[in-house]
Amino acid sequence: LLPVPVLFAWFRWRWEREAYLNDITKYGRDVDEVVDVMWSIYGWCWPKPLMRRWFKRRAGR
């Protein structure tokens, strides 16, 4: 039963990060703001430093 929340969190992170990356690259949204939103509204999420690093690498910042 333990892997189920982790799998849900991973899939949610996988799908939503692409949408937020689009906001960052096309509309100039701040990476830290996106990370705070993704991190705070969910019950379980990936660590902030990992999320921040992923967005900054993909967005070229």
N, C-alpha and C. Protein backbone atom coordinates (compact mmCIF):
# COMPACT_ATOMS: atom_id res chain seq x y z
N LEU A 1 0.81 -1.21 0.00
CA LEU A 1 0.00 0.00 0.00
C LEU A 1 0.85 1.27 0.00
N LEU A 2 2.04 1.19 0.53
CA LEU A 2 2.92 2.35 0.59
C LEU A 2 3.27 2.92 -0.79
N PRO A 3 3.57 2.09 -1.80
CA PRO A 3 3.96 2.66 -3.09
C PRO A 3 2.85 3.43 -3.81
N VAL A 4 1.60 3.19 -3.48
CA VAL A 4 0.51 3.84 -4.21
C VAL A 4 0.57 5.37 -4.11
N PRO A 5 0.68 5.98 -2.91
CA PRO A 5 0.79 7.44 -2.87
C PRO A 5 2.03 7.98 -3.59
N VAL A 6 3.12 7.24 -3.51
CA VAL A 6 4.35 7.66 -4.18
C VAL A 6 4.15 7.63 -5.69
N LEU A 7 3.50 6.59 -6.20
CA LEU A 7 3.24 6.51 -7.64
C LEU A 7 2.29 7.62 -8.10
N PHE A 8 1.25 7.88 -7.33
CA PHE A 8 0.34 8.97 -7.69
C PHE A 8 1.08 10.30 -7.71
N ALA A 9 1.91 10.52 -6.71
CA ALA A 9 2.67 11.76 -6.63
C ALA A 9 3.63 11.88 -7.81
N TRP A 10 4.26 10.78 -8.20
CA TRP A 10 5.20 10.82 -9.31
C TRP A 10 4.49 11.15 -10.62
N PHE A 11 3.35 10.49 -10.86
CA PHE A 11 2.62 10.77 -12.09
C PHE A 11 2.08 12.19 -12.13
N ARG A 12 1.59 12.66 -10.99
CA ARG A 12 1.11 14.04 -10.93
C ARG A 12 2.27 14.99 -11.22
N TRP A 13 3.42 14.77 -10.62
CA TRP A 13 4.61 15.59 -10.86
C TRP A 13 5.01 15.52 -12.33
N ARG A 14 4.97 14.36 -12.91
CA ARG A 14 5.37 14.15 -14.30
C ARG A 14 4.49 14.94 -15.26
N TRP A 15 3.17 14.90 -15.06
CA TRP A 15 2.25 15.57 -15.97
C TRP A 15 2.22 17.08 -15.76
N GLU A 16 2.15 17.48 -14.52
CA GLU A 16 1.97 18.91 -14.25
C GLU A 16 3.23 19.72 -14.46
N ARG A 17 4.38 19.11 -14.31
CA ARG A 17 5.60 19.88 -14.49
C ARG A 17 5.74 20.36 -15.94
N GLU A 18 5.26 19.58 -16.89
CA GLU A 18 5.32 20.00 -18.29
C GLU A 18 4.43 21.22 -18.52
N ALA A 19 3.27 21.23 -17.90
CA ALA A 19 2.37 22.38 -18.05
C ALA A 19 2.97 23.63 -17.40
N TYR A 20 3.53 23.47 -16.22
CA TYR A 20 4.15 24.61 -15.55
C TYR A 20 5.41 25.07 -16.29
N LEU A 21 6.15 24.15 -16.88
CA LEU A 21 7.33 24.53 -17.66
C LEU A 21 6.91 25.41 -18.84
N ASN A 22 5.78 25.09 -19.43
CA ASN A 22 5.24 25.92 -20.51
C ASN A 22 4.95 27.34 -20.01
N ASP A 23 4.38 27.46 -18.82
CA ASP A 23 4.13 28.78 -18.24
C ASP A 23 5.43 29.55 -18.00
N ILE A 24 6.45 28.86 -17.57
CA ILE A 24 7.73 29.50 -17.28
C ILE A 24 8.39 29.99 -18.56
N THR A 25 8.42 29.14 -19.57
CA THR A 25 9.13 29.50 -20.80
C THR A 25 8.36 30.48 -21.68
N LYS A 26 7.05 30.32 -21.78
CA LYS A 26 6.27 31.20 -22.67
C LYS A 26 5.84 32.50 -22.02
N TYR A 27 5.51 32.44 -20.74
CA TYR A 27 4.93 33.62 -20.08
C TYR A 27 5.84 34.25 -19.04
N GLY A 28 7.04 33.71 -18.87
CA GLY A 28 8.01 34.30 -17.95
C GLY A 28 7.67 34.14 -16.48
N ARG A 29 6.91 33.13 -16.15
CA ARG A 29 6.56 32.90 -14.76
C ARG A 29 7.80 32.52 -13.96
N ASP A 30 7.87 32.94 -12.72
CA ASP A 30 9.02 32.71 -11.86
C ASP A 30 9.09 31.25 -11.40
N VAL A 31 10.27 30.65 -11.49
CA VAL A 31 10.47 29.25 -11.12
C VAL A 31 10.14 29.04 -9.65
N ASP A 32 10.60 29.93 -8.78
CA ASP A 32 10.34 29.76 -7.35
C ASP A 32 8.85 29.84 -7.03
N GLU A 33 8.14 30.69 -7.73
CA GLU A 33 6.69 30.79 -7.53
C GLU A 33 6.00 29.49 -7.93
N VAL A 34 6.40 28.93 -9.06
CA VAL A 34 5.82 27.67 -9.53
C VAL A 34 6.11 26.55 -8.55
N VAL A 35 7.33 26.48 -8.07
CA VAL A 35 7.71 25.44 -7.11
C VAL A 35 6.89 25.59 -5.83
N ASP A 36 6.73 26.80 -5.35
CA ASP A 36 5.93 27.02 -4.14
C ASP A 36 4.48 26.58 -4.33
N VAL A 37 3.91 26.89 -5.50
CA VAL A 37 2.53 26.48 -5.78
C VAL A 37 2.43 24.96 -5.82
N MET A 38 3.32 24.33 -6.57
CA MET A 38 3.25 22.87 -6.68
C MET A 38 3.52 22.18 -5.35
N TRP A 39 4.36 22.77 -4.54
CA TRP A 39 4.75 22.13 -3.29
C TRP A 39 3.69 22.31 -2.21
N SER A 40 3.00 23.46 -2.23
CA SER A 40 2.12 23.77 -1.10
C SER A 40 0.70 23.23 -1.24
N ILE A 41 0.21 23.03 -2.44
CA ILE A 41 -1.21 22.66 -2.57
C ILE A 41 -1.46 21.15 -2.56
N TYR A 42 -0.41 20.37 -2.50
CA TYR A 42 -0.57 18.93 -2.50
C TYR A 42 -0.19 18.35 -1.14
N GLY A 43 -0.77 17.22 -0.81
CA GLY A 43 -0.46 16.59 0.46
C GLY A 43 0.94 16.00 0.51
N TRP A 44 1.43 15.53 -0.61
CA TRP A 44 2.78 14.96 -0.68
C TRP A 44 3.36 15.35 -2.01
N CYS A 45 4.56 15.86 -1.99
CA CYS A 45 5.17 16.26 -3.25
C CYS A 45 6.67 16.01 -3.20
N TRP A 46 7.33 16.26 -4.30
CA TRP A 46 8.78 16.10 -4.38
C TRP A 46 9.46 17.23 -3.63
N PRO A 47 10.70 17.00 -3.19
CA PRO A 47 11.42 18.05 -2.47
C PRO A 47 11.60 19.31 -3.33
N LYS A 48 11.51 20.45 -2.68
CA LYS A 48 11.62 21.73 -3.40
C LYS A 48 12.93 21.87 -4.18
N PRO A 49 14.09 21.53 -3.59
CA PRO A 49 15.33 21.69 -4.37
C PRO A 49 15.34 20.86 -5.65
N LEU A 50 14.79 19.66 -5.60
CA LEU A 50 14.72 18.81 -6.79
C LEU A 50 13.81 19.43 -7.85
N MET A 51 12.67 19.94 -7.41
CA MET A 51 11.74 20.58 -8.33
C MET A 51 12.36 21.82 -8.96
N ARG A 52 12.98 22.64 -8.12
CA ARG A 52 13.60 23.88 -8.60
C ARG A 52 14.69 23.59 -9.63
N ARG A 53 15.52 22.60 -9.34
CA ARG A 53 16.61 22.22 -10.25
C ARG A 53 16.05 21.74 -11.60
N TRP A 54 15.01 20.91 -11.56
CA TRP A 54 14.42 20.40 -12.80
C TRP A 54 13.92 21.55 -13.68
N PHE A 55 13.17 22.48 -13.08
CA PHE A 55 12.63 23.60 -13.85
C PHE A 55 13.74 24.49 -14.40
N LYS A 56 14.73 24.79 -13.59
CA LYS A 56 15.80 25.68 -14.05
C LYS A 56 16.61 25.05 -15.17
N ARG A 57 16.85 23.77 -15.11
CA ARG A 57 17.58 23.10 -16.19
C ARG A 57 16.77 23.09 -17.48
N ARG A 58 15.50 22.80 -17.38
CA ARG A 58 14.66 22.71 -18.58
C ARG A 58 14.35 24.08 -19.17
N ALA A 59 14.21 25.07 -18.31
CA ALA A 59 13.87 26.42 -18.79
C ALA A 59 15.11 27.19 -19.23
N GLY A 60 16.29 26.65 -18.98
CA GLY A 60 17.51 27.32 -19.38
C GLY A 60 17.86 28.52 -18.53
N ARG A 61 17.51 28.46 -17.24
CA ARG A 61 17.79 29.59 -16.34
C ARG A 61 18.85 29.23 -15.35
